[in-house]
Amino acid sequence: MLSGYRIMWLVVMFDLPVVEKKERKAASDFRKRLLDMGFEMSQFSVYMRFCTSPAQVDTYCKRVEENLPQGGRVHIVQLTDKQYERIITFRGKTKQPAQKSPDQYVLF
C-alpha cells in the first residue's frame, strides 16, 4: 500500500526570459519537455508530477536539471501527497474542491 507520506508531488516553477526569439523557443521547448516527462500544467509556469517513490523523485529532478534552459530561474518543490491534499485552490473567488490523487491502479 502506498503511503501519503512517502509518495510525492514534484512542482516545477519557473520564470524564463522570453524577450528574444531564441529565449521564447528555449522556454517553449522546456515546457514541452516537462509535458513529455509526464508533468501536467497547473499554471503557465507551474508544472506538477506525481511520483511513487523517492527514487522516482530523484530521477525526475535529474531529468529536469538536464533540460534546463539558459537563463531564468527554475525551482523544484517536493510535496508529500498529504501536503498536496491540503492545497486550497480558487477559480476567481470560487473555492474549488480538493484535488484528488491518482488512483493506485493508474500508477502501475
N, C-alpha and C. Protein backbone atom coordinates (compact mmCIF):
# COMPACT_ATOMS: atom_id res chain seq x y z
N MET A 1 0.84 -1.19 0.00
CA MET A 1 0.00 0.00 0.00
C MET A 1 0.88 1.25 0.00
N LEU A 2 0.53 2.20 -0.83
CA LEU A 2 1.31 3.44 -0.90
C LEU A 2 0.92 4.36 0.24
N SER A 3 1.91 4.96 0.88
CA SER A 3 1.68 5.88 1.98
C SER A 3 1.66 7.31 1.47
N GLY A 4 0.70 8.10 1.95
CA GLY A 4 0.61 9.51 1.58
C GLY A 4 1.77 10.33 2.09
N TYR A 5 2.61 9.73 2.92
CA TYR A 5 3.78 10.43 3.42
C TYR A 5 5.04 10.04 2.65
N ARG A 6 4.97 8.99 1.84
CA ARG A 6 6.13 8.56 1.06
C ARG A 6 6.00 8.91 -0.42
N ILE A 7 4.78 8.91 -0.93
CA ILE A 7 4.61 9.30 -2.32
C ILE A 7 4.64 10.82 -2.39
N MET A 8 5.14 11.32 -3.50
CA MET A 8 5.45 12.74 -3.59
C MET A 8 4.86 13.39 -4.84
N TRP A 9 4.74 14.68 -4.78
CA TRP A 9 4.43 15.52 -5.93
C TRP A 9 5.64 16.40 -6.19
N LEU A 10 6.06 16.47 -7.43
CA LEU A 10 7.10 17.42 -7.82
C LEU A 10 6.42 18.61 -8.47
N VAL A 11 6.80 19.79 -8.05
CA VAL A 11 6.28 21.02 -8.62
C VAL A 11 7.46 21.77 -9.22
N VAL A 12 7.41 22.02 -10.52
CA VAL A 12 8.46 22.79 -11.19
C VAL A 12 7.88 24.16 -11.50
N MET A 13 8.50 25.18 -10.91
CA MET A 13 8.07 26.57 -11.12
C MET A 13 9.22 27.31 -11.79
N PHE A 14 8.90 28.14 -12.77
CA PHE A 14 9.98 28.82 -13.46
C PHE A 14 9.57 30.19 -13.97
N ASP A 15 10.59 31.02 -14.10
CA ASP A 15 10.46 32.34 -14.69
C ASP A 15 11.61 32.45 -15.69
N LEU A 16 11.30 32.30 -16.97
CA LEU A 16 12.32 32.27 -18.00
C LEU A 16 12.26 33.52 -18.86
N PRO A 17 13.41 33.97 -19.34
CA PRO A 17 13.40 35.14 -20.23
C PRO A 17 12.73 34.78 -21.56
N VAL A 18 11.93 35.71 -22.09
CA VAL A 18 11.22 35.48 -23.36
C VAL A 18 11.24 36.73 -24.24
N VAL A 19 12.28 37.55 -24.08
CA VAL A 19 12.36 38.79 -24.85
C VAL A 19 12.78 38.50 -26.29
N GLU A 20 13.83 37.72 -26.44
CA GLU A 20 14.33 37.42 -27.78
C GLU A 20 13.70 36.13 -28.30
N LYS A 21 13.72 35.96 -29.62
CA LYS A 21 13.11 34.78 -30.24
C LYS A 21 13.72 33.48 -29.72
N LYS A 22 15.05 33.44 -29.58
CA LYS A 22 15.70 32.21 -29.11
C LYS A 22 15.32 31.91 -27.65
N GLU A 23 15.06 32.95 -26.85
CA GLU A 23 14.62 32.75 -25.47
C GLU A 23 13.20 32.18 -25.43
N ARG A 24 12.33 32.70 -26.28
CA ARG A 24 10.96 32.18 -26.35
C ARG A 24 10.96 30.72 -26.77
N LYS A 25 11.82 30.37 -27.73
CA LYS A 25 11.91 28.98 -28.19
C LYS A 25 12.43 28.09 -27.07
N ALA A 26 13.44 28.54 -26.34
CA ALA A 26 14.00 27.75 -25.23
C ALA A 26 12.95 27.53 -24.15
N ALA A 27 12.17 28.56 -23.83
CA ALA A 27 11.12 28.43 -22.82
C ALA A 27 10.04 27.46 -23.29
N SER A 28 9.67 27.57 -24.54
CA SER A 28 8.65 26.67 -25.11
C SER A 28 9.16 25.23 -25.14
N ASP A 29 10.40 25.04 -25.51
CA ASP A 29 10.99 23.69 -25.54
C ASP A 29 11.04 23.09 -24.13
N PHE A 30 11.35 23.92 -23.14
CA PHE A 30 11.40 23.44 -21.75
C PHE A 30 10.00 22.97 -21.31
N ARG A 31 8.98 23.75 -21.62
CA ARG A 31 7.61 23.36 -21.29
C ARG A 31 7.23 22.04 -21.96
N LYS A 32 7.59 21.91 -23.23
CA LYS A 32 7.27 20.68 -23.97
C LYS A 32 7.98 19.48 -23.35
N ARG A 33 9.23 19.66 -22.92
CA ARG A 33 9.97 18.56 -22.30
C ARG A 33 9.33 18.15 -20.98
N LEU A 34 8.85 19.12 -20.21
CA LEU A 34 8.15 18.79 -18.97
C LEU A 34 6.91 17.95 -19.27
N LEU A 35 6.15 18.34 -20.27
CA LEU A 35 4.96 17.56 -20.65
C LEU A 35 5.35 16.17 -21.10
N ASP A 36 6.43 16.06 -21.87
CA ASP A 36 6.90 14.74 -22.33
C ASP A 36 7.33 13.85 -21.15
N MET A 37 7.77 14.48 -20.05
CA MET A 37 8.18 13.72 -18.86
C MET A 37 6.99 13.35 -17.98
N GLY A 38 5.80 13.75 -18.38
CA GLY A 38 4.62 13.38 -17.61
C GLY A 38 4.14 14.44 -16.64
N PHE A 39 4.70 15.63 -16.70
CA PHE A 39 4.22 16.73 -15.86
C PHE A 39 2.93 17.28 -16.46
N GLU A 40 2.07 17.81 -15.61
CA GLU A 40 0.84 18.47 -16.05
C GLU A 40 0.94 19.94 -15.71
N MET A 41 0.43 20.79 -16.60
CA MET A 41 0.47 22.22 -16.35
C MET A 41 -0.58 22.59 -15.31
N SER A 42 -0.14 23.23 -14.23
CA SER A 42 -1.05 23.76 -13.22
C SER A 42 -1.35 25.22 -13.53
N GLN A 43 -0.32 25.96 -13.84
CA GLN A 43 -0.40 27.33 -14.34
C GLN A 43 0.66 27.44 -15.42
N PHE A 44 0.70 28.56 -16.13
CA PHE A 44 1.58 28.64 -17.29
C PHE A 44 3.03 28.32 -16.96
N SER A 45 3.53 28.73 -15.82
CA SER A 45 4.92 28.46 -15.45
C SER A 45 5.02 27.57 -14.22
N VAL A 46 3.99 26.75 -13.99
CA VAL A 46 3.98 25.82 -12.87
C VAL A 46 3.49 24.47 -13.38
N TYR A 47 4.34 23.46 -13.25
CA TYR A 47 4.01 22.11 -13.71
C TYR A 47 4.17 21.14 -12.55
N MET A 48 3.29 20.11 -12.51
CA MET A 48 3.29 19.15 -11.41
C MET A 48 3.34 17.72 -11.92
N ARG A 49 3.97 16.85 -11.12
CA ARG A 49 4.02 15.43 -11.47
C ARG A 49 3.96 14.59 -10.21
N PHE A 50 3.17 13.53 -10.27
CA PHE A 50 3.01 12.57 -9.18
C PHE A 50 4.13 11.55 -9.26
N CYS A 51 4.80 11.26 -8.14
CA CYS A 51 5.87 10.27 -8.09
C CYS A 51 5.58 9.28 -6.97
N THR A 52 5.85 8.02 -7.23
CA THR A 52 5.50 6.96 -6.28
C THR A 52 6.61 6.57 -5.32
N SER A 53 7.81 7.12 -5.51
CA SER A 53 8.91 6.72 -4.64
C SER A 53 9.98 7.82 -4.62
N PRO A 54 10.81 7.82 -3.58
CA PRO A 54 11.93 8.77 -3.55
C PRO A 54 12.87 8.59 -4.74
N ALA A 55 13.05 7.35 -5.20
CA ALA A 55 13.93 7.11 -6.35
C ALA A 55 13.35 7.78 -7.60
N GLN A 56 12.04 7.71 -7.77
CA GLN A 56 11.40 8.36 -8.92
C GLN A 56 11.53 9.88 -8.82
N VAL A 57 11.42 10.43 -7.61
CA VAL A 57 11.61 11.86 -7.41
C VAL A 57 13.01 12.25 -7.86
N ASP A 58 14.02 11.50 -7.44
CA ASP A 58 15.41 11.79 -7.82
C ASP A 58 15.58 11.73 -9.33
N THR A 59 15.00 10.71 -9.96
CA THR A 59 15.10 10.55 -11.41
C THR A 59 14.54 11.77 -12.13
N TYR A 60 13.34 12.21 -11.74
CA TYR A 60 12.72 13.34 -12.44
C TYR A 60 13.41 14.66 -12.13
N CYS A 61 13.95 14.81 -10.92
CA CYS A 61 14.72 16.02 -10.62
C CYS A 61 15.94 16.10 -11.54
N LYS A 62 16.62 14.97 -11.74
CA LYS A 62 17.79 14.94 -12.63
C LYS A 62 17.39 15.23 -14.07
N ARG A 63 16.24 14.67 -14.51
CA ARG A 63 15.79 14.92 -15.87
C ARG A 63 15.45 16.39 -16.10
N VAL A 64 14.82 17.01 -15.11
CA VAL A 64 14.53 18.44 -15.23
C VAL A 64 15.84 19.21 -15.32
N GLU A 65 16.78 18.87 -14.44
CA GLU A 65 18.08 19.55 -14.44
C GLU A 65 18.79 19.41 -15.78
N GLU A 66 18.72 18.24 -16.39
CA GLU A 66 19.36 18.01 -17.69
C GLU A 66 18.74 18.84 -18.80
N ASN A 67 17.51 19.29 -18.62
CA ASN A 67 16.80 20.02 -19.67
C ASN A 67 16.62 21.50 -19.37
N LEU A 68 17.35 22.01 -18.39
CA LEU A 68 17.22 23.43 -18.04
C LEU A 68 17.68 24.32 -19.19
N PRO A 69 16.91 25.36 -19.47
CA PRO A 69 17.35 26.33 -20.48
C PRO A 69 18.36 27.30 -19.87
N GLN A 70 19.03 28.05 -20.72
CA GLN A 70 19.95 29.10 -20.25
C GLN A 70 19.12 30.24 -19.67
N GLY A 71 19.59 30.82 -18.62
CA GLY A 71 18.94 31.99 -18.04
C GLY A 71 17.68 31.64 -17.27
N GLY A 72 17.15 32.63 -16.61
CA GLY A 72 15.91 32.44 -15.87
C GLY A 72 16.14 31.72 -14.55
N ARG A 73 15.01 31.44 -13.88
CA ARG A 73 15.05 30.74 -12.60
C ARG A 73 14.08 29.57 -12.65
N VAL A 74 14.51 28.44 -12.12
CA VAL A 74 13.68 27.25 -12.06
C VAL A 74 13.76 26.71 -10.63
N HIS A 75 12.60 26.43 -10.04
CA HIS A 75 12.53 25.84 -8.71
C HIS A 75 11.83 24.50 -8.82
N ILE A 76 12.34 23.50 -8.10
CA ILE A 76 11.67 22.22 -7.99
C ILE A 76 11.28 22.05 -6.52
N VAL A 77 9.98 21.95 -6.28
CA VAL A 77 9.46 21.79 -4.92
C VAL A 77 8.94 20.37 -4.78
N GLN A 78 9.24 19.75 -3.66
CA GLN A 78 8.76 18.39 -3.39
C GLN A 78 7.73 18.45 -2.27
N LEU A 79 6.55 17.90 -2.53
CA LEU A 79 5.47 17.84 -1.54
C LEU A 79 5.07 16.39 -1.33
N THR A 80 4.79 16.02 -0.09
CA THR A 80 4.21 14.70 0.12
C THR A 80 2.76 14.75 -0.37
N ASP A 81 2.20 13.59 -0.61
CA ASP A 81 0.81 13.53 -1.05
C ASP A 81 -0.11 14.13 0.01
N LYS A 82 0.22 13.96 1.28
CA LYS A 82 -0.58 14.54 2.37
C LYS A 82 -0.53 16.06 2.33
N GLN A 83 0.62 16.64 2.01
CA GLN A 83 0.72 18.09 1.88
C GLN A 83 -0.07 18.57 0.67
N TYR A 84 0.01 17.82 -0.43
CA TYR A 84 -0.71 18.17 -1.65
C TYR A 84 -2.22 18.22 -1.40
N GLU A 85 -2.73 17.30 -0.58
CA GLU A 85 -4.16 17.26 -0.27
C GLU A 85 -4.64 18.55 0.39
N ARG A 86 -3.74 19.29 1.01
CA ARG A 86 -4.11 20.49 1.75
C ARG A 86 -4.06 21.76 0.90
N ILE A 87 -3.74 21.64 -0.38
CA ILE A 87 -3.71 22.81 -1.26
C ILE A 87 -5.13 23.37 -1.39
N ILE A 88 -5.25 24.66 -1.24
CA ILE A 88 -6.54 25.34 -1.41
C ILE A 88 -6.49 26.09 -2.74
N THR A 89 -7.47 25.83 -3.60
CA THR A 89 -7.49 26.39 -4.95
C THR A 89 -8.75 27.22 -5.15
N PHE A 90 -8.58 28.37 -5.79
CA PHE A 90 -9.71 29.22 -6.14
C PHE A 90 -9.72 29.45 -7.64
N ARG A 91 -10.88 29.49 -8.22
CA ARG A 91 -11.07 29.92 -9.60
C ARG A 91 -11.91 31.17 -9.50
N GLY A 92 -11.26 32.32 -9.75
CA GLY A 92 -11.92 33.58 -9.43
C GLY A 92 -12.05 33.64 -7.92
N LYS A 93 -13.27 33.86 -7.43
CA LYS A 93 -13.50 33.88 -5.99
C LYS A 93 -14.15 32.59 -5.49
N THR A 94 -14.28 31.62 -6.40
CA THR A 94 -14.94 30.37 -6.04
C THR A 94 -13.92 29.33 -5.62
N LYS A 95 -14.09 28.83 -4.41
CA LYS A 95 -13.19 27.79 -3.90
C LYS A 95 -13.48 26.49 -4.63
N GLN A 96 -12.43 25.85 -5.09
CA GLN A 96 -12.55 24.60 -5.84
C GLN A 96 -12.42 23.41 -4.89
N PRO A 97 -13.02 22.27 -5.25
CA PRO A 97 -12.85 21.08 -4.40
C PRO A 97 -11.39 20.65 -4.40
N ALA A 98 -11.01 19.95 -3.34
CA ALA A 98 -9.63 19.48 -3.20
C ALA A 98 -9.28 18.56 -4.37
N GLN A 99 -8.02 18.64 -4.79
CA GLN A 99 -7.52 17.78 -5.86
C GLN A 99 -7.47 16.34 -5.36
N LYS A 100 -7.83 15.41 -6.20
CA LYS A 100 -7.76 14.00 -5.86
C LYS A 100 -6.46 13.43 -6.42
N SER A 101 -5.76 12.66 -5.61
CA SER A 101 -4.55 11.99 -6.07
C SER A 101 -4.93 10.89 -7.06
N PRO A 102 -4.02 10.54 -7.96
CA PRO A 102 -4.32 9.43 -8.88
C PRO A 102 -4.61 8.15 -8.12
N ASP A 103 -5.52 7.35 -8.63
CA ASP A 103 -5.78 6.05 -8.02
C ASP A 103 -4.55 5.17 -8.17
N GLN A 104 -4.34 4.28 -7.21
CA GLN A 104 -3.16 3.44 -7.23
C GLN A 104 -3.08 2.61 -8.50
N TYR A 105 -4.19 2.10 -9.01
CA TYR A 105 -4.14 1.28 -10.21
C TYR A 105 -3.71 2.07 -11.43
N VAL A 106 -3.87 3.39 -11.42
CA VAL A 106 -3.43 4.22 -12.54
C VAL A 106 -1.93 4.32 -12.57
N LEU A 107 -1.30 4.14 -11.42
CA LEU A 107 0.14 4.33 -11.31
C LEU A 107 0.94 3.19 -11.89
N PHE A 108 0.33 2.01 -12.05
CA PHE A 108 1.10 0.84 -12.47
C PHE A 108 0.67 0.31 -13.78
